[in-house]
Amino acid sequence: MITEIGIVAGDIWHYLDQHKMARLTELINGIDKDKNVVLMSLGWLAREGHVIMENVGGDYKISLRF
């Protein structure tokens, strides 16, 4: 499971690198992986300080921290 979370974290990183910013719902649909794994991977990236998450109207706007 840890390996899968790491792989999906990489997928998230690449998606955000290409799109610069995404809402959580866009990210989940764009990655096309299990929603729970995407959320765990996003939590990992947030904890490590690699992403910025901002609550906007009940959804989250996510971008990479450079």
N, C-alpha and C. Protein backbone atom coordinates (compact mmCIF):
# COMPACT_ATOMS: atom_id res chain seq x y z
N MET A 1 0.82 -1.19 0.00
CA MET A 1 0.00 0.00 0.00
C MET A 1 0.87 1.26 0.00
N ILE A 2 1.94 1.26 0.77
CA ILE A 2 2.83 2.42 0.82
C ILE A 2 3.41 2.71 -0.56
N THR A 3 3.77 1.65 -1.29
CA THR A 3 4.32 1.84 -2.64
C THR A 3 3.28 2.48 -3.55
N GLU A 4 2.03 2.01 -3.48
CA GLU A 4 0.96 2.57 -4.31
C GLU A 4 0.72 4.04 -3.98
N ILE A 5 0.74 4.38 -2.70
CA ILE A 5 0.56 5.78 -2.28
C ILE A 5 1.69 6.64 -2.85
N GLY A 6 2.91 6.13 -2.81
CA GLY A 6 4.05 6.87 -3.36
C GLY A 6 3.95 7.06 -4.86
N ILE A 7 3.51 6.04 -5.56
CA ILE A 7 3.35 6.13 -7.02
C ILE A 7 2.28 7.16 -7.37
N VAL A 8 1.16 7.11 -6.67
CA VAL A 8 0.08 8.07 -6.93
C VAL A 8 0.51 9.49 -6.54
N ALA A 9 1.32 9.62 -5.50
CA ALA A 9 1.86 10.95 -5.14
C ALA A 9 2.68 11.50 -6.31
N GLY A 10 3.44 10.64 -6.96
CA GLY A 10 4.19 11.05 -8.15
C GLY A 10 3.26 11.45 -9.28
N ASP A 11 2.17 10.71 -9.44
CA ASP A 11 1.17 11.06 -10.47
C ASP A 11 0.56 12.43 -10.18
N ILE A 12 0.27 12.69 -8.92
CA ILE A 12 -0.28 13.99 -8.53
C ILE A 12 0.72 15.09 -8.83
N TRP A 13 1.97 14.86 -8.48
CA TRP A 13 3.04 15.85 -8.72
C TRP A 13 3.09 16.20 -10.21
N HIS A 14 3.12 15.18 -11.07
CA HIS A 14 3.20 15.40 -12.51
C HIS A 14 1.95 16.13 -13.03
N TYR A 15 0.78 15.75 -12.53
CA TYR A 15 -0.47 16.40 -12.95
C TYR A 15 -0.43 17.88 -12.61
N LEU A 16 -0.03 18.20 -11.38
CA LEU A 16 0.01 19.60 -10.95
C LEU A 16 1.13 20.36 -11.66
N ASP A 17 2.22 19.71 -11.97
CA ASP A 17 3.30 20.34 -12.71
C ASP A 17 2.82 20.75 -14.10
N GLN A 18 1.97 19.94 -14.71
CA GLN A 18 1.44 20.24 -16.05
C GLN A 18 0.31 21.26 -16.00
N HIS A 19 -0.56 21.17 -15.00
CA HIS A 19 -1.76 22.01 -14.95
C HIS A 19 -1.61 23.23 -14.03
N LYS A 20 -0.54 23.30 -13.27
CA LYS A 20 -0.23 24.40 -12.33
C LYS A 20 -1.16 24.45 -11.12
N MET A 21 -2.45 24.18 -11.30
CA MET A 21 -3.42 24.21 -10.22
C MET A 21 -4.59 23.34 -10.59
N ALA A 22 -5.21 22.71 -9.61
CA ALA A 22 -6.41 21.91 -9.86
C ALA A 22 -7.28 21.92 -8.61
N ARG A 23 -8.56 21.85 -8.81
CA ARG A 23 -9.47 21.63 -7.68
C ARG A 23 -9.41 20.14 -7.34
N LEU A 24 -9.74 19.81 -6.12
CA LEU A 24 -9.65 18.43 -5.66
C LEU A 24 -10.44 17.49 -6.56
N THR A 25 -11.64 17.88 -6.93
CA THR A 25 -12.46 17.01 -7.78
C THR A 25 -11.81 16.81 -9.15
N GLU A 26 -11.22 17.86 -9.70
CA GLU A 26 -10.50 17.74 -10.99
C GLU A 26 -9.32 16.79 -10.85
N LEU A 27 -8.59 16.94 -9.76
CA LEU A 27 -7.41 16.11 -9.52
C LEU A 27 -7.78 14.64 -9.42
N ILE A 28 -8.82 14.34 -8.67
CA ILE A 28 -9.25 12.96 -8.50
C ILE A 28 -9.65 12.37 -9.85
N ASN A 29 -10.40 13.12 -10.65
CA ASN A 29 -10.80 12.65 -11.97
C ASN A 29 -9.62 12.57 -12.93
N GLY A 30 -8.70 13.53 -12.84
CA GLY A 30 -7.56 13.58 -13.74
C GLY A 30 -6.53 12.49 -13.50
N ILE A 31 -6.37 12.09 -12.25
CA ILE A 31 -5.41 11.04 -11.90
C ILE A 31 -5.97 9.68 -12.26
N ASP A 32 -7.29 9.52 -12.16
CA ASP A 32 -7.97 8.26 -12.51
C ASP A 32 -7.45 7.07 -11.70
N LYS A 33 -7.32 7.30 -10.41
CA LYS A 33 -6.97 6.25 -9.45
C LYS A 33 -8.05 6.24 -8.38
N ASP A 34 -8.02 5.24 -7.52
CA ASP A 34 -8.97 5.15 -6.42
C ASP A 34 -8.94 6.44 -5.59
N LYS A 35 -10.11 7.00 -5.33
CA LYS A 35 -10.21 8.28 -4.61
C LYS A 35 -9.49 8.24 -3.27
N ASN A 36 -9.63 7.15 -2.53
CA ASN A 36 -9.00 7.06 -1.21
C ASN A 36 -7.48 7.08 -1.32
N VAL A 37 -6.93 6.44 -2.33
CA VAL A 37 -5.47 6.44 -2.52
C VAL A 37 -5.00 7.84 -2.93
N VAL A 38 -5.78 8.52 -3.76
CA VAL A 38 -5.44 9.90 -4.14
C VAL A 38 -5.42 10.79 -2.90
N LEU A 39 -6.41 10.64 -2.04
CA LEU A 39 -6.47 11.45 -0.82
C LEU A 39 -5.30 11.14 0.12
N MET A 40 -4.95 9.86 0.27
CA MET A 40 -3.80 9.51 1.10
C MET A 40 -2.50 10.09 0.52
N SER A 41 -2.36 10.00 -0.78
CA SER A 41 -1.16 10.51 -1.45
C SER A 41 -1.09 12.03 -1.33
N LEU A 42 -2.21 12.69 -1.46
CA LEU A 42 -2.25 14.14 -1.32
C LEU A 42 -1.90 14.54 0.11
N GLY A 43 -2.38 13.79 1.08
CA GLY A 43 -2.03 14.03 2.48
C GLY A 43 -0.53 13.90 2.71
N TRP A 44 0.07 12.90 2.09
CA TRP A 44 1.51 12.70 2.19
C TRP A 44 2.25 13.91 1.62
N LEU A 45 1.85 14.35 0.42
CA LEU A 45 2.49 15.51 -0.20
C LEU A 45 2.29 16.77 0.64
N ALA A 46 1.11 16.93 1.22
CA ALA A 46 0.84 18.10 2.07
C ALA A 46 1.69 18.06 3.33
N ARG A 47 1.79 16.91 3.94
CA ARG A 47 2.59 16.76 5.17
C ARG A 47 4.06 17.05 4.92
N GLU A 48 4.54 16.67 3.73
CA GLU A 48 5.93 16.91 3.37
C GLU A 48 6.16 18.34 2.88
N GLY A 49 5.09 19.13 2.75
CA GLY A 49 5.20 20.52 2.35
C GLY A 49 5.37 20.72 0.85
N HIS A 50 4.95 19.75 0.05
CA HIS A 50 5.11 19.83 -1.40
C HIS A 50 3.93 20.47 -2.12
N VAL A 51 2.77 20.56 -1.46
CA VAL A 51 1.60 21.15 -2.09
C VAL A 51 0.99 22.21 -1.18
N ILE A 52 0.27 23.12 -1.81
CA ILE A 52 -0.50 24.13 -1.10
C ILE A 52 -1.97 23.81 -1.36
N MET A 53 -2.75 23.75 -0.30
CA MET A 53 -4.18 23.48 -0.43
C MET A 53 -4.95 24.64 0.18
N GLU A 54 -5.89 25.17 -0.58
CA GLU A 54 -6.69 26.30 -0.14
C GLU A 54 -8.17 25.96 -0.31
N ASN A 55 -8.95 26.10 0.76
CA ASN A 55 -10.38 25.83 0.70
C ASN A 55 -11.07 26.97 -0.02
N VAL A 56 -11.73 26.64 -1.13
CA VAL A 56 -12.44 27.64 -1.94
C VAL A 56 -13.85 27.13 -2.21
N GLY A 57 -14.81 27.70 -1.53
CA GLY A 57 -16.21 27.36 -1.76
C GLY A 57 -16.56 25.90 -1.55
N GLY A 58 -15.98 25.27 -0.54
CA GLY A 58 -16.29 23.89 -0.24
C GLY A 58 -15.46 22.87 -1.01
N ASP A 59 -14.60 23.33 -1.89
CA ASP A 59 -13.69 22.46 -2.63
C ASP A 59 -12.27 22.97 -2.32
N TYR A 60 -11.27 22.21 -2.64
CA TYR A 60 -9.89 22.63 -2.39
C TYR A 60 -9.18 22.92 -3.69
N LYS A 61 -8.46 24.03 -3.72
CA LYS A 61 -7.59 24.40 -4.82
C LYS A 61 -6.19 23.93 -4.41
N ILE A 62 -5.56 23.14 -5.28
CA ILE A 62 -4.28 22.51 -4.95
C ILE A 62 -3.24 22.92 -5.98
N SER A 63 -2.06 23.26 -5.50
CA SER A 63 -0.95 23.59 -6.38
C SER A 63 0.35 23.15 -5.73
N LEU A 64 1.39 23.05 -6.55
CA LEU A 64 2.70 22.68 -6.03
C LEU A 64 3.33 23.86 -5.32
N ARG A 65 4.10 23.57 -4.29
CA ARG A 65 4.87 24.60 -3.58
C ARG A 65 6.27 24.57 -4.17
N PHE A 66 6.70 25.70 -4.72
CA PHE A 66 8.06 25.77 -5.28
C PHE A 66 8.94 26.63 -4.42
